[in-house]
Amino acid sequence: MATKKYTVTLPEELAEEIRAEVGPGAFSAYVTRAIERQREHDRLGELVERLEGEYGPVTDADLAAAEAERREIEQWFADQAAGRAPSGAERRNAAAA
């Protein structure tokens, strides 16, 4: 990817903290990654707005169901890493206990 030099104004204390952490040679790469993450965040926000406009807002029940599924998937990966693979029913029974 081609690069181009830009001038930006940053709070001095923040810039110096980052430079001290990453080193002077990695400062531009750090700022680039931060900008890329912000762009992803902005685009996801736009997607959420569009989807909520089309389907309505996410409910607390939707969030709870998604969180339960996330925990189940996380447990599955932990079980795989530990060399055990309980079935979905075993995981659900353990979670209910």
N, C-alpha and C. Protein backbone atom coordinates (compact mmCIF):
# COMPACT_ATOMS: atom_id res chain seq x y z
N MET A 1 0.85 -1.17 0.00
CA MET A 1 0.00 0.00 0.00
C MET A 1 0.89 1.23 0.00
N ALA A 2 0.56 2.16 -0.84
CA ALA A 2 1.31 3.41 -0.90
C ALA A 2 1.03 4.23 0.36
N THR A 3 2.01 4.98 0.77
CA THR A 3 1.83 5.84 1.93
C THR A 3 2.08 7.28 1.55
N LYS A 4 1.55 8.17 2.34
CA LYS A 4 1.74 9.60 2.14
C LYS A 4 1.84 10.23 3.52
N LYS A 5 2.69 11.20 3.66
CA LYS A 5 2.89 11.86 4.94
C LYS A 5 1.84 12.95 5.13
N TYR A 6 1.24 12.97 6.34
CA TYR A 6 0.25 13.97 6.71
C TYR A 6 0.67 14.62 8.01
N THR A 7 0.17 15.79 8.24
CA THR A 7 0.40 16.47 9.50
C THR A 7 -0.89 16.43 10.29
N VAL A 8 -0.81 15.91 11.51
CA VAL A 8 -1.98 15.89 12.39
C VAL A 8 -1.56 16.49 13.73
N THR A 9 -2.53 16.98 14.44
CA THR A 9 -2.27 17.55 15.76
C THR A 9 -2.82 16.60 16.81
N LEU A 10 -1.95 16.20 17.73
CA LEU A 10 -2.33 15.29 18.80
C LEU A 10 -1.99 15.92 20.14
N PRO A 11 -2.72 15.54 21.19
CA PRO A 11 -2.31 16.00 22.51
C PRO A 11 -0.89 15.48 22.80
N GLU A 12 -0.02 16.36 23.20
CA GLU A 12 1.40 16.01 23.38
C GLU A 12 1.58 14.85 24.36
N GLU A 13 0.88 14.91 25.48
CA GLU A 13 1.05 13.87 26.49
C GLU A 13 0.67 12.49 25.94
N LEU A 14 -0.43 12.42 25.22
CA LEU A 14 -0.87 11.16 24.62
C LEU A 14 0.15 10.65 23.61
N ALA A 15 0.59 11.53 22.72
CA ALA A 15 1.55 11.14 21.70
C ALA A 15 2.85 10.65 22.32
N GLU A 16 3.32 11.31 23.36
CA GLU A 16 4.58 10.90 24.00
C GLU A 16 4.42 9.58 24.74
N GLU A 17 3.25 9.35 25.35
CA GLU A 17 3.01 8.07 26.00
C GLU A 17 3.06 6.93 24.99
N ILE A 18 2.40 7.13 23.85
CA ILE A 18 2.39 6.10 22.81
C ILE A 18 3.79 5.89 22.26
N ARG A 19 4.50 6.96 21.97
CA ARG A 19 5.86 6.85 21.44
C ARG A 19 6.75 6.08 22.41
N ALA A 20 6.60 6.35 23.71
CA ALA A 20 7.41 5.65 24.71
C ALA A 20 7.07 4.16 24.76
N GLU A 21 5.81 3.83 24.55
CA GLU A 21 5.39 2.43 24.59
C GLU A 21 5.80 1.66 23.36
N VAL A 22 5.64 2.25 22.18
CA VAL A 22 5.87 1.51 20.94
C VAL A 22 7.21 1.81 20.29
N GLY A 23 7.86 2.86 20.71
CA GLY A 23 9.13 3.25 20.10
C GLY A 23 8.88 4.19 18.94
N PRO A 24 9.84 5.04 18.64
CA PRO A 24 9.64 6.05 17.60
C PRO A 24 9.39 5.45 16.22
N GLY A 25 9.98 4.30 15.92
CA GLY A 25 9.81 3.70 14.60
C GLY A 25 8.45 3.08 14.37
N ALA A 26 7.71 2.82 15.44
CA ALA A 26 6.42 2.15 15.31
C ALA A 26 5.24 3.10 15.52
N PHE A 27 5.53 4.37 15.76
CA PHE A 27 4.47 5.34 16.06
C PHE A 27 3.47 5.45 14.91
N SER A 28 3.94 5.60 13.68
CA SER A 28 3.04 5.74 12.53
C SER A 28 2.19 4.49 12.36
N ALA A 29 2.78 3.31 12.54
CA ALA A 29 2.02 2.07 12.41
C ALA A 29 0.94 1.99 13.47
N TYR A 30 1.25 2.44 14.68
CA TYR A 30 0.28 2.44 15.77
C TYR A 30 -0.90 3.35 15.44
N VAL A 31 -0.59 4.55 14.97
CA VAL A 31 -1.64 5.50 14.61
C VAL A 31 -2.47 4.97 13.45
N THR A 32 -1.84 4.34 12.48
CA THR A 32 -2.55 3.77 11.35
C THR A 32 -3.53 2.71 11.82
N ARG A 33 -3.07 1.80 12.71
CA ARG A 33 -3.96 0.76 13.23
C ARG A 33 -5.13 1.38 14.00
N ALA A 34 -4.87 2.42 14.76
CA ALA A 34 -5.93 3.09 15.52
C ALA A 34 -6.97 3.68 14.58
N ILE A 35 -6.53 4.30 13.50
CA ILE A 35 -7.46 4.89 12.54
C ILE A 35 -8.26 3.79 11.84
N GLU A 36 -7.60 2.68 11.50
CA GLU A 36 -8.31 1.57 10.86
C GLU A 36 -9.39 1.01 11.79
N ARG A 37 -9.07 0.85 13.07
CA ARG A 37 -10.06 0.36 14.04
C ARG A 37 -11.23 1.33 14.16
N GLN A 38 -10.95 2.63 14.16
CA GLN A 38 -12.01 3.62 14.26
C GLN A 38 -12.92 3.56 13.04
N ARG A 39 -12.33 3.39 11.86
CA ARG A 39 -13.13 3.28 10.64
C ARG A 39 -14.03 2.05 10.71
N GLU A 40 -13.50 0.91 11.19
CA GLU A 40 -14.31 -0.29 11.35
C GLU A 40 -15.46 -0.03 12.32
N HIS A 41 -15.16 0.64 13.42
CA HIS A 41 -16.17 0.97 14.43
C HIS A 41 -17.26 1.85 13.80
N ASP A 42 -16.86 2.85 13.06
CA ASP A 42 -17.82 3.75 12.40
C ASP A 42 -18.70 2.98 11.42
N ARG A 43 -18.10 2.10 10.65
CA ARG A 43 -18.87 1.33 9.66
C ARG A 43 -19.84 0.38 10.35
N LEU A 44 -19.40 -0.23 11.45
CA LEU A 44 -20.31 -1.11 12.19
C LEU A 44 -21.48 -0.31 12.76
N GLY A 45 -21.20 0.89 13.25
CA GLY A 45 -22.27 1.76 13.74
C GLY A 45 -23.28 2.08 12.66
N GLU A 46 -22.78 2.36 11.45
CA GLU A 46 -23.67 2.63 10.33
C GLU A 46 -24.52 1.41 9.99
N LEU A 47 -23.90 0.23 10.05
CA LEU A 47 -24.64 -1.01 9.78
C LEU A 47 -25.72 -1.23 10.83
N VAL A 48 -25.39 -1.03 12.09
CA VAL A 48 -26.38 -1.19 13.16
C VAL A 48 -27.55 -0.23 12.95
N GLU A 49 -27.26 1.02 12.63
CA GLU A 49 -28.34 1.98 12.37
C GLU A 49 -29.23 1.54 11.23
N ARG A 50 -28.62 1.05 10.17
CA ARG A 50 -29.39 0.60 9.01
C ARG A 50 -30.25 -0.60 9.36
N LEU A 51 -29.66 -1.58 10.07
CA LEU A 51 -30.42 -2.78 10.43
C LEU A 51 -31.53 -2.47 11.43
N GLU A 52 -31.25 -1.59 12.39
CA GLU A 52 -32.30 -1.21 13.34
C GLU A 52 -33.41 -0.44 12.65
N GLY A 53 -33.07 0.34 11.65
CA GLY A 53 -34.10 1.04 10.88
C GLY A 53 -34.98 0.07 10.12
N GLU A 54 -34.37 -1.03 9.67
CA GLU A 54 -35.13 -2.01 8.90
C GLU A 54 -35.87 -3.01 9.77
N TYR A 55 -35.24 -3.46 10.87
CA TYR A 55 -35.81 -4.53 11.69
C TYR A 55 -36.21 -4.11 13.10
N GLY A 56 -35.92 -2.87 13.48
CA GLY A 56 -36.22 -2.41 14.82
C GLY A 56 -35.03 -2.61 15.74
N PRO A 57 -35.09 -2.00 16.91
CA PRO A 57 -33.95 -2.08 17.83
C PRO A 57 -33.77 -3.47 18.41
N VAL A 58 -32.57 -3.75 18.84
CA VAL A 58 -32.25 -5.02 19.49
C VAL A 58 -32.86 -4.99 20.89
N THR A 59 -33.57 -6.07 21.23
CA THR A 59 -34.22 -6.13 22.54
C THR A 59 -33.28 -6.72 23.58
N ASP A 60 -33.65 -6.56 24.85
CA ASP A 60 -32.88 -7.18 25.93
C ASP A 60 -32.88 -8.69 25.78
N ALA A 61 -33.99 -9.26 25.33
CA ALA A 61 -34.07 -10.71 25.12
C ALA A 61 -33.11 -11.14 24.02
N ASP A 62 -33.02 -10.35 22.96
CA ASP A 62 -32.07 -10.66 21.88
C ASP A 62 -30.63 -10.66 22.42
N LEU A 63 -30.32 -9.63 23.21
CA LEU A 63 -28.97 -9.53 23.77
C LEU A 63 -28.68 -10.70 24.70
N ALA A 64 -29.64 -11.09 25.53
CA ALA A 64 -29.44 -12.21 26.45
C ALA A 64 -29.22 -13.50 25.68
N ALA A 65 -29.99 -13.72 24.62
CA ALA A 65 -29.83 -14.93 23.82
C ALA A 65 -28.47 -14.96 23.14
N ALA A 66 -28.05 -13.82 22.62
CA ALA A 66 -26.74 -13.75 21.96
C ALA A 66 -25.62 -13.99 22.96
N GLU A 67 -25.75 -13.45 24.16
CA GLU A 67 -24.73 -13.65 25.19
C GLU A 67 -24.66 -15.10 25.62
N ALA A 68 -25.81 -15.76 25.76
CA ALA A 68 -25.83 -17.18 26.12
C ALA A 68 -25.15 -18.01 25.04
N GLU A 69 -25.43 -17.69 23.79
CA GLU A 69 -24.79 -18.41 22.69
C GLU A 69 -23.29 -18.16 22.67
N ARG A 70 -22.88 -16.90 22.93
CA ARG A 70 -21.45 -16.60 22.96
C ARG A 70 -20.75 -17.41 24.05
N ARG A 71 -21.37 -17.49 25.22
CA ARG A 71 -20.76 -18.26 26.32
C ARG A 71 -20.66 -19.74 25.96
N GLU A 72 -21.69 -20.27 25.30
CA GLU A 72 -21.67 -21.68 24.90
C GLU A 72 -20.55 -21.94 23.90
N ILE A 73 -20.39 -21.05 22.95
CA ILE A 73 -19.31 -21.20 21.95
C ILE A 73 -17.96 -21.07 22.62
N GLU A 74 -17.82 -20.11 23.52
CA GLU A 74 -16.56 -19.93 24.24
C GLU A 74 -16.22 -21.20 25.03
N GLN A 75 -17.21 -21.80 25.67
CA GLN A 75 -16.99 -23.03 26.43
C GLN A 75 -16.59 -24.18 25.51
N TRP A 76 -17.21 -24.24 24.34
CA TRP A 76 -16.86 -25.29 23.39
C TRP A 76 -15.38 -25.20 23.01
N PHE A 77 -14.91 -23.99 22.73
CA PHE A 77 -13.51 -23.81 22.37
C PHE A 77 -12.59 -24.14 23.55
N ALA A 78 -12.99 -23.77 24.75
CA ALA A 78 -12.19 -24.11 25.94
C ALA A 78 -12.13 -25.62 26.11
N ASP A 79 -13.25 -26.30 25.90
CA ASP A 79 -13.27 -27.76 26.00
C ASP A 79 -12.37 -28.38 24.94
N GLN A 80 -12.41 -27.85 23.73
CA GLN A 80 -11.56 -28.37 22.66
C GLN A 80 -10.09 -28.21 23.02
N ALA A 81 -9.73 -27.06 23.55
CA ALA A 81 -8.34 -26.80 23.91
C ALA A 81 -7.89 -27.71 25.04
N ALA A 82 -8.81 -28.10 25.92
CA ALA A 82 -8.48 -28.97 27.04
C ALA A 82 -8.56 -30.43 26.66
N GLY A 83 -8.91 -30.72 25.42
CA GLY A 83 -8.95 -32.10 24.95
C GLY A 83 -10.24 -32.83 25.29
N ARG A 84 -11.26 -32.11 25.64
CA ARG A 84 -12.55 -32.75 25.90
C ARG A 84 -13.61 -32.04 25.05
N ALA A 85 -14.59 -32.80 24.66
CA ALA A 85 -15.62 -32.23 23.79
C ALA A 85 -16.99 -32.68 24.25
N PRO A 86 -17.53 -32.10 25.33
CA PRO A 86 -18.87 -32.48 25.75
C PRO A 86 -19.90 -32.07 24.71
N SER A 87 -20.99 -32.80 24.69
CA SER A 87 -22.05 -32.47 23.73
C SER A 87 -22.75 -31.18 24.15
N GLY A 88 -23.53 -30.63 23.24
CA GLY A 88 -24.29 -29.42 23.53
C GLY A 88 -25.23 -29.64 24.70
N ALA A 89 -25.85 -30.84 24.76
CA ALA A 89 -26.77 -31.14 25.86
C ALA A 89 -26.02 -31.15 27.19
N GLU A 90 -24.84 -31.75 27.21
CA GLU A 90 -24.05 -31.75 28.46
C GLU A 90 -23.71 -30.35 28.89
N ARG A 91 -23.35 -29.49 27.93
CA ARG A 91 -23.01 -28.11 28.26
C ARG A 91 -24.24 -27.36 28.81
N ARG A 92 -25.40 -27.59 28.16
CA ARG A 92 -26.61 -26.91 28.62
C ARG A 92 -27.00 -27.39 30.00
N ASN A 93 -26.87 -28.70 30.28
CA ASN A 93 -27.21 -29.23 31.60
C ASN A 93 -26.27 -28.68 32.67
N ALA A 94 -25.00 -28.57 32.35
CA ALA A 94 -24.04 -28.03 33.31
C ALA A 94 -24.33 -26.57 33.57
N ALA A 95 -24.70 -25.82 32.55
CA ALA A 95 -24.99 -24.39 32.72
C ALA A 95 -26.25 -24.19 33.55
N ALA A 96 -27.21 -25.09 33.42
CA ALA A 96 -28.47 -24.97 34.17
C ALA A 96 -28.29 -25.32 35.63
N ALA A 97 -27.28 -26.10 35.94
CA ALA A 97 -27.08 -26.55 37.33
C ALA A 97 -26.58 -25.47 38.25
